[in-house]
C-alpha atoms as a PDB file:
ATOM      1  CA  MET A   1      41.738 -35.676   8.954  1.00  0.00           C
ATOM      2  CA  GLU A   2      38.932 -38.555  10.268  1.00  0.00           C
ATOM      3  CA  MET A   3      37.641 -35.955  12.749  1.00  0.00           C
ATOM      4  CA  LEU A   4      37.876 -33.059  10.220  1.00  0.00           C
ATOM      5  CA  VAL A   5      33.906 -33.301   9.462  1.00  0.00           C
ATOM      6  CA  THR A   6      32.531 -33.940  12.848  1.00  0.00           C
ATOM      7  CA  ASP A   7      34.641 -31.073  14.375  1.00  0.00           C
ATOM      8  CA  GLU A   8      35.402 -28.396  11.096  1.00  0.00           C
ATOM      9  CA  MET A   9      32.968 -28.931   8.524  1.00  0.00           C
ATOM     10  CA  GLU A  10      29.718 -29.525   9.958  1.00  0.00           C
ATOM     11  CA  ASN A  11      29.835 -26.096  11.941  1.00  0.00           C
ATOM     12  CA  VAL A  12      31.150 -24.001   9.440  1.00  0.00           C
ATOM     13  CA  LEU A  13      28.515 -25.081   6.760  1.00  0.00           C
ATOM     14  CA  ASP A  14      25.790 -24.307   9.784  1.00  0.00           C
ATOM     15  CA  THR A  15      27.024 -20.679   9.322  1.00  0.00           C
ATOM     16  CA  ASP A  16      27.905 -20.961   5.347  1.00  0.00           C
ATOM     17  CA  VAL A  17      24.234 -21.237   4.813  1.00  0.00           C
ATOM     18  CA  LEU A  18      23.151 -18.025   6.567  1.00  0.00           C
ATOM     19  CA  ASP A  19      22.702 -14.607   4.730  1.00  0.00           C
ATOM     20  CA  TYR A  20      25.570 -12.571   6.491  1.00  0.00           C
ATOM     21  CA  THR A  21      28.375 -15.216   5.237  1.00  0.00           C
ATOM     22  CA  ARG A  22      30.925 -14.038   2.984  1.00  0.00           C
ATOM     23  CA  PRO A  23      33.094 -16.314   0.646  1.00  0.00           C
ATOM     24  CA  ILE A  24      36.735 -17.485   1.646  1.00  0.00           C
ATOM     25  CA  SER A  25      38.796 -15.536  -0.925  1.00  0.00           C
ATOM     26  CA  LEU A  26      37.876 -11.579  -0.857  1.00  0.00           C
ATOM     27  CA  PRO A  27      40.008  -8.942  -2.453  1.00  0.00           C
ATOM     28  CA  VAL A  28      42.254  -6.602  -0.302  1.00  0.00           C
ATOM     29  CA  GLU A  29      42.679  -3.072  -0.821  1.00  0.00           C
ATOM     30  CA  ASP A  30      44.757  -2.386   2.573  1.00  0.00           C
ATOM     31  CA  PRO A  31      46.305  -4.013   5.689  1.00  0.00           C
ATOM     32  CA  TRP A  32      42.666  -3.658   7.577  1.00  0.00           C
ATOM     33  CA  ASP A  33      41.327  -6.391   5.270  1.00  0.00           C
ATOM     34  CA  ILE A  34      43.717  -8.919   5.678  1.00  0.00           C
ATOM     35  CA  GLU A  35      43.086  -8.653   9.466  1.00  0.00           C
ATOM     36  CA  ALA A  36      39.153  -8.827   9.142  1.00  0.00           C
ATOM     37  CA  GLN A  37      39.508 -11.902   7.052  1.00  0.00           C
ATOM     38  CA  PHE A  38      40.985 -14.182   9.685  1.00  0.00           C
ATOM     39  CA  ASP A  39      37.514 -15.663  10.936  1.00  0.00           C
ATOM     40  CA  GLY A  40      35.890 -19.124  10.958  1.00  0.00           C
ATOM     41  CA  ILE A  41      35.216 -19.125   7.506  1.00  0.00           C
ATOM     42  CA  SER A  42      38.760 -18.670   6.744  1.00  0.00           C
ATOM     43  CA  TYR A  43      39.796 -21.191   9.238  1.00  0.00           C
ATOM     44  CA  ALA A  44      37.133 -23.850   9.651  1.00  0.00           C
ATOM     45  CA  LYS A  45      35.749 -23.738   5.723  1.00  0.00           C
ATOM     46  CA  GLY A  46      39.449 -23.552   5.032  1.00  0.00           C
ATOM     47  CA  ALA A  47      40.424 -26.620   6.529  1.00  0.00           C
ATOM     48  CA  SER A  48      37.208 -28.497   4.981  1.00  0.00           C
ATOM     49  CA  ILE A  49      38.109 -27.568   1.690  1.00  0.00           C
ATOM     50  CA  ILE A  50      41.775 -28.268   1.834  1.00  0.00           C
ATOM     51  CA  GLY A  51      40.683 -32.103   3.185  1.00  0.00           C
ATOM     52  CA  MET A  52      38.093 -32.101   0.402  1.00  0.00           C
ATOM     53  CA  ILE A  53      40.875 -31.572  -2.091  1.00  0.00           C
ATOM     54  CA  ASN A  54      42.857 -33.876  -0.469  1.00  0.00           C
ATOM     55  CA  HIS A  55      40.491 -36.542  -0.588  1.00  0.00           C
ATOM     56  CA  PHE A  56      39.327 -35.966  -4.413  1.00  0.00           C
ATOM     57  CA  LEU A  57      42.807 -35.793  -5.759  1.00  0.00           C
ATOM     58  CA  THR A  58      44.485 -38.948  -3.671  1.00  0.00           C
ATOM     59  CA  PRO A  59      46.735 -38.003  -0.398  1.00  0.00           C
ATOM     60  CA  GLN A  60      49.883 -38.452  -2.818  1.00  0.00           C
ATOM     61  CA  THR A  61      48.724 -36.478  -5.349  1.00  0.00           C
ATOM     62  CA  PHE A  62      47.456 -33.846  -2.806  1.00  0.00           C
ATOM     63  CA  GLN A  63      51.015 -34.123  -1.277  1.00  0.00           C
ATOM     64  CA  ASN A  64      53.107 -33.954  -4.433  1.00  0.00           C
ATOM     65  CA  GLY A  65      51.244 -31.059  -5.738  1.00  0.00           C
ATOM     66  CA  LEU A  66      51.687 -29.082  -2.215  1.00  0.00           C
ATOM     67  CA  ARG A  67      55.573 -29.717  -2.030  1.00  0.00           C
ATOM     68  CA  ASN A  68      55.967 -28.391  -6.176  1.00  0.00           C
ATOM     69  CA  TYR A  69      53.976 -25.326  -4.886  1.00  0.00           C
ATOM     70  CA  LEU A  70      55.726 -24.621  -1.873  1.00  0.00           C
ATOM     71  CA  ASP A  71      59.115 -25.195  -4.011  1.00  0.00           C
ATOM     72  CA  ARG A  72      58.028 -22.925  -6.547  1.00  0.00           C
ATOM     73  CA  TRP A  73      56.621 -19.992  -4.528  1.00  0.00           C
ATOM     74  CA  LYS A  74      58.958 -20.088  -1.165  1.00  0.00           C
ATOM     75  CA  TYR A  75      60.580 -16.886  -1.387  1.00  0.00           C
ATOM     76  CA  GLY A  76      57.858 -14.810  -3.486  1.00  0.00           C
ATOM     77  CA  ASN A  77      54.018 -13.708  -3.372  1.00  0.00           C
ATOM     78  CA  THR A  78      51.645 -16.299  -4.217  1.00  0.00           C
ATOM     79  CA  ARG A  79      47.399 -16.322  -5.605  1.00  0.00           C
ATOM     80  CA  PRO A  80      45.177 -19.162  -4.690  1.00  0.00           C
ATOM     81  CA  ALA A  81      45.326 -19.633  -8.907  1.00  0.00           C
ATOM     82  CA  ASP A  82      48.771 -20.601  -8.265  1.00  0.00           C
ATOM     83  CA  LEU A  83      47.804 -23.299  -5.863  1.00  0.00           C
ATOM     84  CA  TRP A  84      45.144 -24.836  -7.883  1.00  0.00           C
ATOM     85  CA  ALA A  85      47.754 -24.879 -11.142  1.00  0.00           C
ATOM     86  CA  ALA A  86      49.995 -26.979  -8.963  1.00  0.00           C
ATOM     87  CA  PHE A  87      47.325 -29.304  -8.060  1.00  0.00           C
ATOM     88  CA  THR A  88      45.782 -29.390 -11.585  1.00  0.00           C
ATOM     89  CA  LEU A  89      49.552 -30.060 -12.952  1.00  0.00           C
ATOM     90  CA  GLU A  90      50.054 -32.985 -10.813  1.00  0.00           C
ATOM     91  CA  ALA A  91      46.554 -34.389 -10.707  1.00  0.00           C
ATOM     92  CA  HIS A  92      47.421 -34.427 -14.930  1.00  0.00           C
ATOM     93  CA  LYS A  93      51.024 -36.270 -14.181  1.00  0.00           C
ATOM     94  CA  ASP A  94      49.308 -38.611 -11.716  1.00  0.00           C
ATOM     95  CA  ASN A  95      46.050 -39.189 -13.700  1.00  0.00           C
ATOM     96  CA  THR A  96      43.950 -38.361 -10.958  1.00  0.00           C
ATOM     97  CA  LEU A  97      42.077 -35.642 -12.442  1.00  0.00           C
ATOM     98  CA  SER A  98      40.658 -35.942 -16.054  1.00  0.00           C
ATOM     99  CA  HIS A  99      43.079 -33.442 -18.420  1.00  0.00           C
ATOM    100  CA  HIS A 100      39.910 -31.342 -19.431  1.00  0.00           C
ATOM    101  CA  ILE A 101      39.509 -30.545 -15.504  1.00  0.00           C
ATOM    102  CA  HIS A 102      41.522 -27.971 -13.929  1.00  0.00           C
ATOM    103  CA  VAL A 103      41.136 -27.894 -10.075  1.00  0.00           C
ATOM    104  CA  SER A 104      40.482 -23.724 -10.076  1.00  0.00           C
ATOM    105  CA  ASP A 105      37.119 -24.683 -12.220  1.00  0.00           C
ATOM    106  CA  ILE A 106      36.035 -27.126  -9.054  1.00  0.00           C
ATOM    107  CA  MET A 107      37.472 -24.759  -6.702  1.00  0.00           C
ATOM    108  CA  ALA A 108      36.301 -21.231  -7.423  1.00  0.00           C
ATOM    109  CA  PRO A 109      32.819 -22.123  -6.694  1.00  0.00           C
ATOM    110  CA  TRP A 110      33.711 -23.009  -3.137  1.00  0.00           C
ATOM    111  CA  THR A 111      36.149 -20.435  -2.717  1.00  0.00           C
ATOM    112  CA  LEU A 112      34.906 -17.193  -4.569  1.00  0.00           C
ATOM    113  CA  GLN A 113      30.762 -17.099  -3.618  1.00  0.00           C
ATOM    114  CA  GLN A 114      28.818 -16.962  -0.390  1.00  0.00           C
ATOM    115  CA  GLY A 115      28.060 -20.145   0.999  1.00  0.00           C
ATOM    116  CA  PHE A 116      28.554 -23.641  -0.639  1.00  0.00           C
ATOM    117  CA  PRO A 117      27.772 -24.974  -3.833  1.00  0.00           C
ATOM    118  CA  LEU A 118      24.151 -26.789  -4.716  1.00  0.00           C
ATOM    119  CA  ILE A 119      25.436 -30.465  -5.992  1.00  0.00           C
ATOM    120  CA  THR A 120      22.727 -32.593  -7.111  1.00  0.00           C
ATOM    121  CA  VAL A 121      23.699 -36.075  -7.088  1.00  0.00           C
ATOM    122  CA  GLU A 122      21.930 -38.424  -9.593  1.00  0.00           C
ATOM    123  CA  ARG A 123      21.778 -42.196  -9.166  1.00  0.00           C
ATOM    124  CA  ASP A 124      20.945 -44.589 -12.323  1.00  0.00           C
ATOM    125  CA  TYR A 125      20.131 -47.988 -11.043  1.00  0.00           C
ATOM    126  CA  ALA A 126      20.007 -49.355 -14.271  1.00  0.00           C
ATOM    127  CA  THR A 127      23.399 -48.638 -15.426  1.00  0.00           C
ATOM    128  CA  GLN A 128      24.840 -48.656 -11.884  1.00  0.00           C
ATOM    129  CA  THR A 129      26.224 -45.177 -11.974  1.00  0.00           C
ATOM    130  CA  VAL A 130      26.110 -42.349 -10.194  1.00  0.00           C
ATOM    131  CA  VAL A 131      26.480 -38.519 -11.354  1.00  0.00           C
ATOM    132  CA  PHE A 132      27.440 -35.454  -9.297  1.00  0.00           C
ATOM    133  CA  THR A 133      26.386 -32.147 -11.071  1.00  0.00           C
ATOM    134  CA  GLN A 134      26.860 -28.350  -9.886  1.00  0.00           C
ATOM    135  CA  VAL A 135      24.884 -26.071 -11.946  1.00  0.00           C
ATOM    136  CA  SER A 136      25.294 -22.843 -12.315  1.00  0.00           C
ATOM    137  CA  PRO A 137      28.347 -21.771 -10.499  1.00  0.00           C
ATOM    138  CA  PHE A 138      28.295 -18.682  -8.621  1.00  0.00           C
ATOM    139  CA  ARG A 139      24.502 -18.538  -9.565  1.00  0.00           C
ATOM    140  CA  GLU A 140      23.093 -21.090  -7.375  1.00  0.00           C
ATOM    141  CA  HIS A 141      24.281 -22.080  -3.982  1.00  0.00           C
ATOM    142  CA  PHE A 142      22.399 -23.764  -0.631  1.00  0.00           C
ATOM    143  CA  LYS A 143      21.776 -21.034   1.632  1.00  0.00           C
ATOM    144  CA  VAL A 144      18.947 -20.816   4.176  1.00  0.00           C
ATOM    145  CA  THR A 145      16.936 -18.013   3.902  1.00  0.00           C
ATOM    146  CA  ASN A 146      15.230 -17.911   6.894  1.00  0.00           C
ATOM    147  CA  ASN A 147      17.896 -17.782   9.432  1.00  0.00           C
ATOM    148  CA  GLU A 148      15.619 -18.338  12.401  1.00  0.00           C
ATOM    149  CA  ASN A 149      14.229 -21.938  11.685  1.00  0.00           C
ATOM    150  CA  PHE A 150      16.208 -23.091   8.800  1.00  0.00           C
ATOM    151  CA  GLY A 151      12.760 -23.489   7.177  1.00  0.00           C
ATOM    152  CA  ASN A 152      12.982 -22.069   3.767  1.00  0.00           C
ATOM    153  CA  VAL A 153      16.194 -23.304   1.947  1.00  0.00           C
ATOM    154  CA  ASP A 154      16.819 -22.000  -1.459  1.00  0.00           C
END
């Protein structure tokens, strides 16, 4: 897990800011669509996102949520929403996530849109607080608009 950032995440973020990237989750119309989705975005970005979930939920909550998900769906078909629901249920039970927040709300912009969400960090030295905001999911994401020199960033 310690090497995930340097081995996978930094590389996939370099690719994920380009104009030609794609979301992790795409609709599947026929079997050929499934095969086309197994690329660096699926594996490297997927692994990075799993590491991110493990970090913000805590390893214990992550493991329990994943165990419950696998037990519940072991012989059936599933959707990403089922995994997010299992993580949310466990996080609410463990109090590692506020009860008004759902993992699907956090993960949708990371998995359903091209690129990665634009996160703004504001530090207030007077109150000793840090506020993270994600404005307009699905309308605002970090990307490079000039792929030649990374000079223009939206």
